[in-house]
Amino acid sequence: MKNLNLKAARAAKDYSQQQLADLCGVSRQTINAIEKGDYNPTIKLCLSICHALDKTLDELFWEDAERIMRSEPGRKQHIIIYRAAVHQPGSVLDYEVHDDH
C-alpha cells in the first residue's frame, strides 16, 4: 500500500527523495520503494525518517485496521492495542496483528 503520508510530509519539507535519503543514510531508491509501498522499512529506518521530517511513527507509518480490511476484503484481522503512548515526536504505538488465514 502506498505511503502517501510519507510523500506528503517529505513534500511539505520541500525535500526531494534524494535529500531525504541522504539525511537517513539510505538510497533514493529505498525512499521511493517505501513511498510506493514496495518496501517495509526497519524500525530504525522508520525512526530516522520520522526524525528527519519532524513526524511521529503514527503520523507516517500507522495504518488503521478499518482501512486495511477494506483494502484486503475477506482477510480477517484482529488488531489488539496494548498501549498507546502520548502522541509526541518519537512516540511509539505497541500493537500486534493476528491473521486468521
PDB file of N, CA and C in Angstrom:
ATOM      1  N   MET A   1       0.837  -1.172   0.000  1.00  0.00           N
ATOM      2  CA  MET A   1       0.000   0.000   0.000  1.00  0.00           C
ATOM      3  C   MET A   1       0.892   1.248   0.000  1.00  0.00           C
ATOM      4  N   LYS A   2       0.596   2.198  -0.849  1.00  0.00           N
ATOM      5  CA  LYS A   2       1.394   3.409  -0.959  1.00  0.00           C
ATOM      6  C   LYS A   2       1.418   4.166   0.358  1.00  0.00           C
ATOM      7  N   ASN A   3       2.556   4.797   0.647  1.00  0.00           N
ATOM      8  CA  ASN A   3       2.673   5.606   1.845  1.00  0.00           C
ATOM      9  C   ASN A   3       2.554   7.079   1.449  1.00  0.00           C
ATOM     10  N   LEU A   4       1.318   7.526   1.320  1.00  0.00           N
ATOM     11  CA  LEU A   4       1.067   8.910   0.930  1.00  0.00           C
ATOM     12  C   LEU A   4       1.398   9.878   2.052  1.00  0.00           C
ATOM     13  N   ASN A   5       1.329   9.414   3.299  1.00  0.00           N
ATOM     14  CA  ASN A   5       1.689  10.279   4.431  1.00  0.00           C
ATOM     15  C   ASN A   5       3.163  10.658   4.365  1.00  0.00           C
ATOM     16  N   LEU A   6       3.997   9.686   4.049  1.00  0.00           N
ATOM     17  CA  LEU A   6       5.434   9.953   3.929  1.00  0.00           C
ATOM     18  C   LEU A   6       5.700  10.916   2.775  1.00  0.00           C
ATOM     19  N   LYS A   7       5.085  10.661   1.649  1.00  0.00           N
ATOM     20  CA  LYS A   7       5.300  11.521   0.484  1.00  0.00           C
ATOM     21  C   LYS A   7       4.854  12.960   0.773  1.00  0.00           C
ATOM     22  N   ALA A   8       3.708  13.115   1.426  1.00  0.00           N
ATOM     23  CA  ALA A   8       3.191  14.452   1.755  1.00  0.00           C
ATOM     24  C   ALA A   8       4.102  15.168   2.748  1.00  0.00           C
ATOM     25  N   ALA A   9       4.589  14.435   3.760  1.00  0.00           N
ATOM     26  CA  ALA A   9       5.478  15.037   4.758  1.00  0.00           C
ATOM     27  C   ALA A   9       6.801  15.454   4.125  1.00  0.00           C
ATOM     28  N   ARG A  10       7.294  14.641   3.211  1.00  0.00           N
ATOM     29  CA  ARG A  10       8.537  14.975   2.501  1.00  0.00           C
ATOM     30  C   ARG A  10       8.344  16.233   1.650  1.00  0.00           C
ATOM     31  N   ALA A  11       7.215  16.279   0.948  1.00  0.00           N
ATOM     32  CA  ALA A  11       6.924  17.441   0.095  1.00  0.00           C
ATOM     33  C   ALA A  11       6.735  18.705   0.938  1.00  0.00           C
ATOM     34  N   ALA A  12       6.124  18.565   2.104  1.00  0.00           N
ATOM     35  CA  ALA A  12       5.907  19.724   2.983  1.00  0.00           C
ATOM     36  C   ALA A  12       7.230  20.324   3.457  1.00  0.00           C
ATOM     37  N   LYS A  13       8.241  19.492   3.594  1.00  0.00           N
ATOM     38  CA  LYS A  13       9.584  19.966   3.967  1.00  0.00           C
ATOM     39  C   LYS A  13      10.377  20.416   2.738  1.00  0.00           C
ATOM     40  N   ASP A  14       9.779  20.235   1.554  1.00  0.00           N
ATOM     41  CA  ASP A  14      10.416  20.578   0.285  1.00  0.00           C
ATOM     42  C   ASP A  14      11.698  19.767   0.062  1.00  0.00           C
ATOM     43  N   TYR A  15      11.659  18.491   0.487  1.00  0.00           N
ATOM     44  CA  TYR A  15      12.788  17.589   0.282  1.00  0.00           C
ATOM     45  C   TYR A  15      12.523  16.718  -0.939  1.00  0.00           C
ATOM     46  N   SER A  16      13.556  16.511  -1.710  1.00  0.00           N
ATOM     47  CA  SER A  16      13.470  15.511  -2.770  1.00  0.00           C
ATOM     48  C   SER A  16      13.674  14.145  -2.124  1.00  0.00           C
ATOM     49  N   GLN A  17      13.381  13.080  -2.870  1.00  0.00           N
ATOM     50  CA  GLN A  17      13.658  11.747  -2.346  1.00  0.00           C
ATOM     51  C   GLN A  17      15.139  11.600  -2.034  1.00  0.00           C
ATOM     52  N   GLN A  18      15.996  12.166  -2.868  1.00  0.00           N
ATOM     53  CA  GLN A  18      17.439  12.071  -2.653  1.00  0.00           C
ATOM     54  C   GLN A  18      17.862  12.790  -1.379  1.00  0.00           C
ATOM     55  N   GLN A  19      17.293  13.974  -1.129  1.00  0.00           N
ATOM     56  CA  GLN A  19      17.643  14.720   0.079  1.00  0.00           C
ATOM     57  C   GLN A  19      17.240  13.952   1.340  1.00  0.00           C
ATOM     58  N   LEU A  20      16.032  13.380   1.344  1.00  0.00           N
ATOM     59  CA  LEU A  20      15.594  12.595   2.491  1.00  0.00           C
ATOM     60  C   LEU A  20      16.472  11.358   2.649  1.00  0.00           C
ATOM     61  N   ALA A  21      16.793  10.719   1.543  1.00  0.00           N
ATOM     62  CA  ALA A  21      17.660   9.540   1.588  1.00  0.00           C
ATOM     63  C   ALA A  21      19.019   9.887   2.195  1.00  0.00           C
ATOM     64  N   ASP A  22      19.585  11.011   1.799  1.00  0.00           N
ATOM     65  CA  ASP A  22      20.880  11.435   2.332  1.00  0.00           C
ATOM     66  C   ASP A  22      20.798  11.676   3.840  1.00  0.00           C
ATOM     67  N   LEU A  23      19.718  12.287   4.298  1.00  0.00           N
ATOM     68  CA  LEU A  23      19.537  12.540   5.730  1.00  0.00           C
ATOM     69  C   LEU A  23      19.423  11.245   6.531  1.00  0.00           C
ATOM     70  N   CYS A  24      18.871  10.214   5.891  1.00  0.00           N
ATOM     71  CA  CYS A  24      18.625   8.943   6.579  1.00  0.00           C
ATOM     72  C   CYS A  24      19.689   7.882   6.313  1.00  0.00           C
ATOM     73  N   GLY A  25      20.609   8.177   5.424  1.00  0.00           N
ATOM     74  CA  GLY A  25      21.688   7.238   5.145  1.00  0.00           C
ATOM     75  C   GLY A  25      21.282   6.034   4.309  1.00  0.00           C
ATOM     76  N   VAL A  26      20.313   6.255   3.415  1.00  0.00           N
ATOM     77  CA  VAL A  26      19.869   5.182   2.509  1.00  0.00           C
ATOM     78  C   VAL A  26      19.874   5.713   1.076  1.00  0.00           C
ATOM     79  N   SER A  27      19.528   4.868   0.135  1.00  0.00           N
ATOM     80  CA  SER A  27      19.490   5.289  -1.265  1.00  0.00           C
ATOM     81  C   SER A  27      18.151   5.955  -1.599  1.00  0.00           C
ATOM     82  N   ARG A  28      18.161   6.716  -2.681  1.00  0.00           N
ATOM     83  CA  ARG A  28      16.922   7.316  -3.163  1.00  0.00           C
ATOM     84  C   ARG A  28      15.915   6.232  -3.521  1.00  0.00           C
ATOM     85  N   GLN A  29      16.420   5.124  -4.056  1.00  0.00           N
ATOM     86  CA  GLN A  29      15.555   4.019  -4.443  1.00  0.00           C
ATOM     87  C   GLN A  29      14.825   3.427  -3.233  1.00  0.00           C
ATOM     88  N   THR A  30      15.469   3.426  -2.080  1.00  0.00           N
ATOM     89  CA  THR A  30      14.820   2.926  -0.863  1.00  0.00           C
ATOM     90  C   THR A  30      13.652   3.820  -0.477  1.00  0.00           C
ATOM     91  N   ILE A  31      13.861   5.134  -0.501  1.00  0.00           N
ATOM     92  CA  ILE A  31      12.770   6.067  -0.177  1.00  0.00           C
ATOM     93  C   ILE A  31      11.637   5.906  -1.181  1.00  0.00           C
ATOM     94  N   ASN A  32      11.978   5.783  -2.444  1.00  0.00           N
ATOM     95  CA  ASN A  32      10.978   5.593  -3.490  1.00  0.00           C
ATOM     96  C   ASN A  32      10.170   4.311  -3.237  1.00  0.00           C
ATOM     97  N   ALA A  33      10.856   3.231  -2.902  1.00  0.00           N
ATOM     98  CA  ALA A  33      10.188   1.947  -2.657  1.00  0.00           C
ATOM     99  C   ALA A  33       9.261   2.020  -1.441  1.00  0.00           C
ATOM    100  N   ILE A  34       9.663   2.744  -0.398  1.00  0.00           N
ATOM    101  CA  ILE A  34       8.805   2.909   0.784  1.00  0.00           C
ATOM    102  C   ILE A  34       7.554   3.689   0.400  1.00  0.00           C
ATOM    103  N   GLU A  35       7.723   4.775  -0.330  1.00  0.00           N
ATOM    104  CA  GLU A  35       6.576   5.594  -0.745  1.00  0.00           C
ATOM    105  C   GLU A  35       5.623   4.807  -1.642  1.00  0.00           C
ATOM    106  N   LYS A  36       6.152   3.938  -2.486  1.00  0.00           N
ATOM    107  CA  LYS A  36       5.310   3.138  -3.383  1.00  0.00           C
ATOM    108  C   LYS A  36       4.683   1.940  -2.681  1.00  0.00           C
ATOM    109  N   GLY A  37       5.134   1.648  -1.459  1.00  0.00           N
ATOM    110  CA  GLY A  37       4.611   0.501  -0.730  1.00  0.00           C
ATOM    111  C   GLY A  37       5.259  -0.807  -1.127  1.00  0.00           C
ATOM    112  N   ASP A  38       6.416  -0.735  -1.775  1.00  0.00           N
ATOM    113  CA  ASP A  38       7.118  -1.935  -2.221  1.00  0.00           C
ATOM    114  C   ASP A  38       8.157  -2.426  -1.213  1.00  0.00           C
ATOM    115  N   TYR A  39       8.388  -1.647  -0.144  1.00  0.00           N
ATOM    116  CA  TYR A  39       9.421  -1.999   0.835  1.00  0.00           C
ATOM    117  C   TYR A  39       8.943  -1.605   2.222  1.00  0.00           C
ATOM    118  N   ASN A  40       9.073  -2.532   3.167  1.00  0.00           N
ATOM    119  CA  ASN A  40       8.751  -2.253   4.564  1.00  0.00           C
ATOM    120  C   ASN A  40      10.042  -1.951   5.298  1.00  0.00           C
ATOM    121  N   PRO A  41      10.232  -0.696   5.707  1.00  0.00           N
ATOM    122  CA  PRO A  41      11.492  -0.319   6.350  1.00  0.00           C
ATOM    123  C   PRO A  41      11.614  -0.899   7.762  1.00  0.00           C
ATOM    124  N   THR A  42      12.846  -0.997   8.224  1.00  0.00           N
ATOM    125  CA  THR A  42      13.093  -1.413   9.595  1.00  0.00           C
ATOM    126  C   THR A  42      12.613  -0.314  10.537  1.00  0.00           C
ATOM    127  N   ILE A  43      12.431  -0.658  11.797  1.00  0.00           N
ATOM    128  CA  ILE A  43      12.020   0.352  12.777  1.00  0.00           C
ATOM    129  C   ILE A  43      13.092   1.435  12.898  1.00  0.00           C
ATOM    130  N   LYS A  44      14.352   1.050  12.771  1.00  0.00           N
ATOM    131  CA  LYS A  44      15.451   2.026  12.830  1.00  0.00           C
ATOM    132  C   LYS A  44      15.321   3.050  11.699  1.00  0.00           C
ATOM    133  N   LEU A  45      15.032   2.578  10.495  1.00  0.00           N
ATOM    134  CA  LEU A  45      14.866   3.489   9.364  1.00  0.00           C
ATOM    135  C   LEU A  45      13.602   4.328   9.531  1.00  0.00           C
ATOM    136  N   CYS A  46      12.528   3.726  10.017  1.00  0.00           N
ATOM    137  CA  CYS A  46      11.293   4.493  10.272  1.00  0.00           C
ATOM    138  C   CYS A  46      11.568   5.652  11.224  1.00  0.00           C
ATOM    139  N   LEU A  47      12.301   5.374  12.304  1.00  0.00           N
ATOM    140  CA  LEU A  47      12.623   6.419  13.276  1.00  0.00           C
ATOM    141  C   LEU A  47      13.500   7.502  12.663  1.00  0.00           C
ATOM    142  N   SER A  48      14.432   7.103  11.816  1.00  0.00           N
ATOM    143  CA  SER A  48      15.300   8.068  11.142  1.00  0.00           C
ATOM    144  C   SER A  48      14.487   8.984  10.224  1.00  0.00           C
ATOM    145  N   ILE A  49      13.552   8.409   9.489  1.00  0.00           N
ATOM    146  CA  ILE A  49      12.688   9.191   8.598  1.00  0.00           C
ATOM    147  C   ILE A  49      11.820  10.139   9.415  1.00  0.00           C
ATOM    148  N   CYS A  50      11.243   9.633  10.498  1.00  0.00           N
ATOM    149  CA  CYS A  50      10.410  10.477  11.368  1.00  0.00           C
ATOM    150  C   CYS A  50      11.204  11.661  11.913  1.00  0.00           C
ATOM    151  N   HIS A  51      12.418  11.389  12.347  1.00  0.00           N
ATOM    152  CA  HIS A  51      13.267  12.457  12.882  1.00  0.00           C
ATOM    153  C   HIS A  51      13.560  13.507  11.803  1.00  0.00           C
ATOM    154  N   ALA A  52      13.892  13.056  10.603  1.00  0.00           N
ATOM    155  CA  ALA A  52      14.218  13.977   9.509  1.00  0.00           C
ATOM    156  C   ALA A  52      13.021  14.832   9.104  1.00  0.00           C
ATOM    157  N   LEU A  53      11.811  14.297   9.248  1.00  0.00           N
ATOM    158  CA  LEU A  53      10.608  15.005   8.807  1.00  0.00           C
ATOM    159  C   LEU A  53       9.812  15.627   9.973  1.00  0.00           C
ATOM    160  N   ASP A  54      10.340  15.499  11.199  1.00  0.00           N
ATOM    161  CA  ASP A  54       9.657  16.030  12.393  1.00  0.00           C
ATOM    162  C   ASP A  54       8.241  15.485  12.520  1.00  0.00           C
ATOM    163  N   LYS A  55       8.109  14.176  12.349  1.00  0.00           N
ATOM    164  CA  LYS A  55       6.822  13.488  12.447  1.00  0.00           C
ATOM    165  C   LYS A  55       6.938  12.324  13.408  1.00  0.00           C
ATOM    166  N   THR A  56       5.799  11.802  13.869  1.00  0.00           N
ATOM    167  CA  THR A  56       5.793  10.616  14.715  1.00  0.00           C
ATOM    168  C   THR A  56       5.646   9.364  13.849  1.00  0.00           C
ATOM    169  N   LEU A  57       5.923   8.223  14.458  1.00  0.00           N
ATOM    170  CA  LEU A  57       5.699   6.954  13.766  1.00  0.00           C
ATOM    171  C   LEU A  57       4.240   6.825  13.357  1.00  0.00           C
ATOM    172  N   ASP A  58       3.344   7.208  14.253  1.00  0.00           N
ATOM    173  CA  ASP A  58       1.916   7.129  13.953  1.00  0.00           C
ATOM    174  C   ASP A  58       1.555   7.952  12.730  1.00  0.00           C
ATOM    175  N   GLU A  59       2.099   9.158  12.658  1.00  0.00           N
ATOM    176  CA  GLU A  59       1.754  10.052  11.548  1.00  0.00           C
ATOM    177  C   GLU A  59       2.222   9.521  10.198  1.00  0.00           C
ATOM    178  N   LEU A  60       3.341   8.840  10.175  1.00  0.00           N
ATOM    179  CA  LEU A  60       3.897   8.396   8.893  1.00  0.00           C
ATOM    180  C   LEU A  60       3.642   6.930   8.558  1.00  0.00           C
ATOM    181  N   PHE A  61       3.550   6.063   9.584  1.00  0.00           N
ATOM    182  CA  PHE A  61       3.556   4.639   9.287  1.00  0.00           C
ATOM    183  C   PHE A  61       2.376   3.841   9.830  1.00  0.00           C
ATOM    184  N   TRP A  62       1.521   4.418  10.650  1.00  0.00           N
ATOM    185  CA  TRP A  62       0.399   3.664  11.207  1.00  0.00           C
ATOM    186  C   TRP A  62      -0.721   3.569  10.191  1.00  0.00           C
ATOM    187  N   GLU A  63      -1.218   2.369   9.954  1.00  0.00           N
ATOM    188  CA  GLU A  63      -2.374   2.165   9.089  1.00  0.00           C
ATOM    189  C   GLU A  63      -3.513   1.686   9.971  1.00  0.00           C
ATOM    190  N   ASP A  64      -4.651   2.363   9.914  1.00  0.00           N
ATOM    191  CA  ASP A  64      -5.743   1.930  10.771  1.00  0.00           C
ATOM    192  C   ASP A  64      -6.357   0.633  10.253  1.00  0.00           C
ATOM    193  N   ALA A  65      -6.856  -0.165  11.188  1.00  0.00           N
ATOM    194  CA  ALA A  65      -7.360  -1.503  10.867  1.00  0.00           C
ATOM    195  C   ALA A  65      -8.493  -1.468   9.856  1.00  0.00           C
ATOM    196  N   GLU A  66      -9.378  -0.499   9.977  1.00  0.00           N
ATOM    197  CA  GLU A  66     -10.529  -0.422   9.070  1.00  0.00           C
ATOM    198  C   GLU A  66     -10.079  -0.253   7.625  1.00  0.00           C
ATOM    199  N   ARG A  67      -9.097   0.598   7.398  1.00  0.00           N
ATOM    200  CA  ARG A  67      -8.604   0.833   6.042  1.00  0.00           C
ATOM    201  C   ARG A  67      -7.919  -0.418   5.496  1.00  0.00           C
ATOM    202  N   ILE A  68      -7.177  -1.124   6.338  1.00  0.00           N
ATOM    203  CA  ILE A  68      -6.515  -2.353   5.893  1.00  0.00           C
ATOM    204  C   ILE A  68      -7.552  -3.384   5.473  1.00  0.00           C
ATOM    205  N   MET A  69      -8.590  -3.554   6.289  1.00  0.00           N
ATOM    206  CA  MET A  69      -9.607  -4.560   5.977  1.00  0.00           C
ATOM    207  C   MET A  69     -10.388  -4.207   4.717  1.00  0.00           C
ATOM    208  N   ARG A  70     -10.620  -2.912   4.473  1.00  0.00           N
ATOM    209  CA  ARG A  70     -11.304  -2.504   3.239  1.00  0.00           C
ATOM    210  C   ARG A  70     -10.432  -2.795   2.033  1.00  0.00           C
ATOM    211  N   SER A  71      -9.123  -2.618   2.168  1.00  0.00           N
ATOM    212  CA  SER A  71      -8.232  -2.805   1.024  1.00  0.00           C
ATOM    213  C   SER A  71      -7.950  -4.282   0.749  1.00  0.00           C
ATOM    214  N   GLU A  72      -8.222  -5.157   1.729  1.00  0.00           N
ATOM    215  CA  GLU A  72      -7.987  -6.580   1.559  1.00  0.00           C
ATOM    216  C   GLU A  72      -9.236  -7.351   1.975  1.00  0.00           C
ATOM    217  N   PRO A  73     -10.293  -7.319   1.149  1.00  0.00           N
ATOM    218  CA  PRO A  73     -11.546  -7.982   1.507  1.00  0.00           C
ATOM    219  C   PRO A  73     -11.342  -9.466   1.781  1.00  0.00           C
ATOM    220  N   GLY A  74     -12.081  -9.962   2.749  1.00  0.00           N
ATOM    221  CA  GLY A  74     -12.003 -11.374   3.080  1.00  0.00           C
ATOM    222  C   GLY A  74     -10.908 -11.716   4.066  1.00  0.00           C
ATOM    223  N   ARG A  75     -10.044 -10.791   4.352  1.00  0.00           N
ATOM    224  CA  ARG A  75      -8.952 -11.045   5.293  1.00  0.00           C
ATOM    225  C   ARG A  75      -9.404 -10.625   6.678  1.00  0.00           C
ATOM    226  N   LYS A  76      -9.418 -11.564   7.590  1.00  0.00           N
ATOM    227  CA  LYS A  76      -9.823 -11.252   8.960  1.00  0.00           C
ATOM    228  C   LYS A  76      -8.583 -10.849   9.741  1.00  0.00           C
ATOM    229  N   GLN A  77      -8.647  -9.701  10.341  1.00  0.00           N
ATOM    230  CA  GLN A  77      -7.530  -9.244  11.148  1.00  0.00           C
ATOM    231  C   GLN A  77      -8.053  -8.765  12.482  1.00  0.00           C
ATOM    232  N   HIS A  78      -7.355  -9.127  13.494  1.00  0.00           N
ATOM    233  CA  HIS A  78      -7.687  -8.677  14.834  1.00  0.00           C
ATOM    234  C   HIS A  78      -6.494  -7.880  15.334  1.00  0.00           C
ATOM    235  N   ILE A  79      -6.689  -6.622  15.517  1.00  0.00           N
ATOM    236  CA  ILE A  79      -5.612  -5.777  15.993  1.00  0.00           C
ATOM    237  C   ILE A  79      -5.868  -5.486  17.457  1.00  0.00           C
ATOM    238  N   ILE A  80      -4.925  -5.864  18.256  1.00  0.00           N
ATOM    239  CA  ILE A  80      -5.053  -5.669  19.687  1.00  0.00           C
ATOM    240  C   ILE A  80      -4.129  -4.537  20.090  1.00  0.00           C
ATOM    241  N   ILE A  81      -4.721  -3.497  20.605  1.00  0.00           N
ATOM    242  CA  ILE A  81      -3.930  -2.361  21.047  1.00  0.00           C
ATOM    243  C   ILE A  81      -3.561  -2.583  22.514  1.00  0.00           C
ATOM    244  N   TYR A  82      -2.290  -2.711  22.781  1.00  0.00           N
ATOM    245  CA  TYR A  82      -1.844  -2.917  24.148  1.00  0.00           C
ATOM    246  C   TYR A  82      -1.605  -1.598  24.874  1.00  0.00           C
ATOM    247  N   ARG A  83      -0.953  -0.683  24.223  1.00  0.00           N
ATOM    248  CA  ARG A  83      -0.624   0.583  24.875  1.00  0.00           C
ATOM    249  C   ARG A  83      -0.403   1.639  23.804  1.00  0.00           C
ATOM    250  N   ALA A  84      -1.034   2.765  23.971  1.00  0.00           N
ATOM    251  CA  ALA A  84      -0.792   3.887  23.066  1.00  0.00           C
ATOM    252  C   ALA A  84      -0.077   4.968  23.862  1.00  0.00           C
ATOM    253  N   ALA A  85       1.130   5.264  23.472  1.00  0.00           N
ATOM    254  CA  ALA A  85       1.883   6.303  24.152  1.00  0.00           C
ATOM    255  C   ALA A  85       1.307   7.664  23.794  1.00  0.00           C
ATOM    256  N   VAL A  86       1.610   8.647  24.587  1.00  0.00           N
ATOM    257  CA  VAL A  86       1.173  10.007  24.294  1.00  0.00           C
ATOM    258  C   VAL A  86       1.746  10.415  22.951  1.00  0.00           C
ATOM    259  N   HIS A  87       0.941  11.067  22.134  1.00  0.00           N
ATOM    260  CA  HIS A  87       1.386  11.436  20.785  1.00  0.00           C
ATOM    261  C   HIS A  87       2.358  12.603  20.853  1.00  0.00           C
ATOM    262  N   GLN A  88       3.619  12.253  20.876  1.00  0.00           N
ATOM    263  CA  GLN A  88       4.703  13.213  20.865  1.00  0.00           C
ATOM    264  C   GLN A  88       5.697  12.738  19.819  1.00  0.00           C
ATOM    265  N   PRO A  89       6.541  13.626  19.333  1.00  0.00           N
ATOM    266  CA  PRO A  89       7.544  13.163  18.375  1.00  0.00           C
ATOM    267  C   PRO A  89       8.328  11.991  18.953  1.00  0.00           C
ATOM    268  N   GLY A  90       8.416  10.918  18.181  1.00  0.00           N
ATOM    269  CA  GLY A  90       9.118   9.729  18.616  1.00  0.00           C
ATOM    270  C   GLY A  90       8.287   8.773  19.446  1.00  0.00           C
ATOM    271  N   SER A  91       6.996   9.074  19.629  1.00  0.00           N
ATOM    272  CA  SER A  91       6.160   8.174  20.420  1.00  0.00           C
ATOM    273  C   SER A  91       5.963   6.864  19.675  1.00  0.00           C
ATOM    274  N   VAL A  92       5.644   5.842  20.416  1.00  0.00           N
ATOM    275  CA  VAL A  92       5.502   4.509  19.838  1.00  0.00           C
ATOM    276  C   VAL A  92       4.134   3.957  20.191  1.00  0.00           C
ATOM    277  N   LEU A  93       3.544   3.261  19.263  1.00  0.00           N
ATOM    278  CA  LEU A  93       2.271   2.581  19.488  1.00  0.00           C
ATOM    279  C   LEU A  93       2.559   1.086  19.433  1.00  0.00           C
ATOM    280  N   ASP A  94       2.321   0.408  20.552  1.00  0.00           N
ATOM    281  CA  ASP A  94       2.539  -1.040  20.598  1.00  0.00           C
ATOM    282  C   ASP A  94       1.295  -1.735  20.082  1.00  0.00           C
ATOM    283  N   TYR A  95       1.473  -2.703  19.201  1.00  0.00           N
ATOM    284  CA  TYR A  95       0.327  -3.421  18.662  1.00  0.00           C
ATOM    285  C   TYR A  95       0.769  -4.797  18.196  1.00  0.00           C
ATOM    286  N   GLU A  96      -0.200  -5.632  18.009  1.00  0.00           N
ATOM    287  CA  GLU A  96       0.039  -6.965  17.489  1.00  0.00           C
ATOM    288  C   GLU A  96      -1.054  -7.269  16.482  1.00  0.00           C
ATOM    289  N   VAL A  97      -0.724  -7.859  15.361  1.00  0.00           N
ATOM    290  CA  VAL A  97      -1.693  -8.215  14.346  1.00  0.00           C
ATOM    291  C   VAL A  97      -1.759  -9.728  14.249  1.00  0.00           C
ATOM    292  N   HIS A  98      -2.956 -10.288  14.337  1.00  0.00           N
ATOM    293  CA  HIS A  98      -3.176 -11.723  14.181  1.00  0.00           C
ATOM    294  C   HIS A  98      -3.947 -11.930  12.897  1.00  0.00           C
ATOM    295  N   ASP A  99      -3.410 -12.719  11.988  1.00  0.00           N
ATOM    296  CA  ASP A  99      -4.113 -13.044  10.738  1.00  0.00           C
ATOM    297  C   ASP A  99      -4.763 -14.402  10.879  1.00  0.00           C
ATOM    298  N   ASP A 100      -6.025 -14.503  10.464  1.00  0.00           N
ATOM    299  CA  ASP A 100      -6.782 -15.747  10.546  1.00  0.00           C
ATOM    300  C   ASP A 100      -6.889 -16.415   9.185  1.00  0.00           C
ATOM    301  N   HIS A 101      -5.778 -16.632   8.540  1.00  0.00           N
ATOM    302  CA  HIS A 101      -5.811 -17.406   7.287  1.00  0.00           C
ATOM    303  C   HIS A 101      -4.503 -18.084   7.014  1.00  0.00           C
TER     304      HIS A 101
END
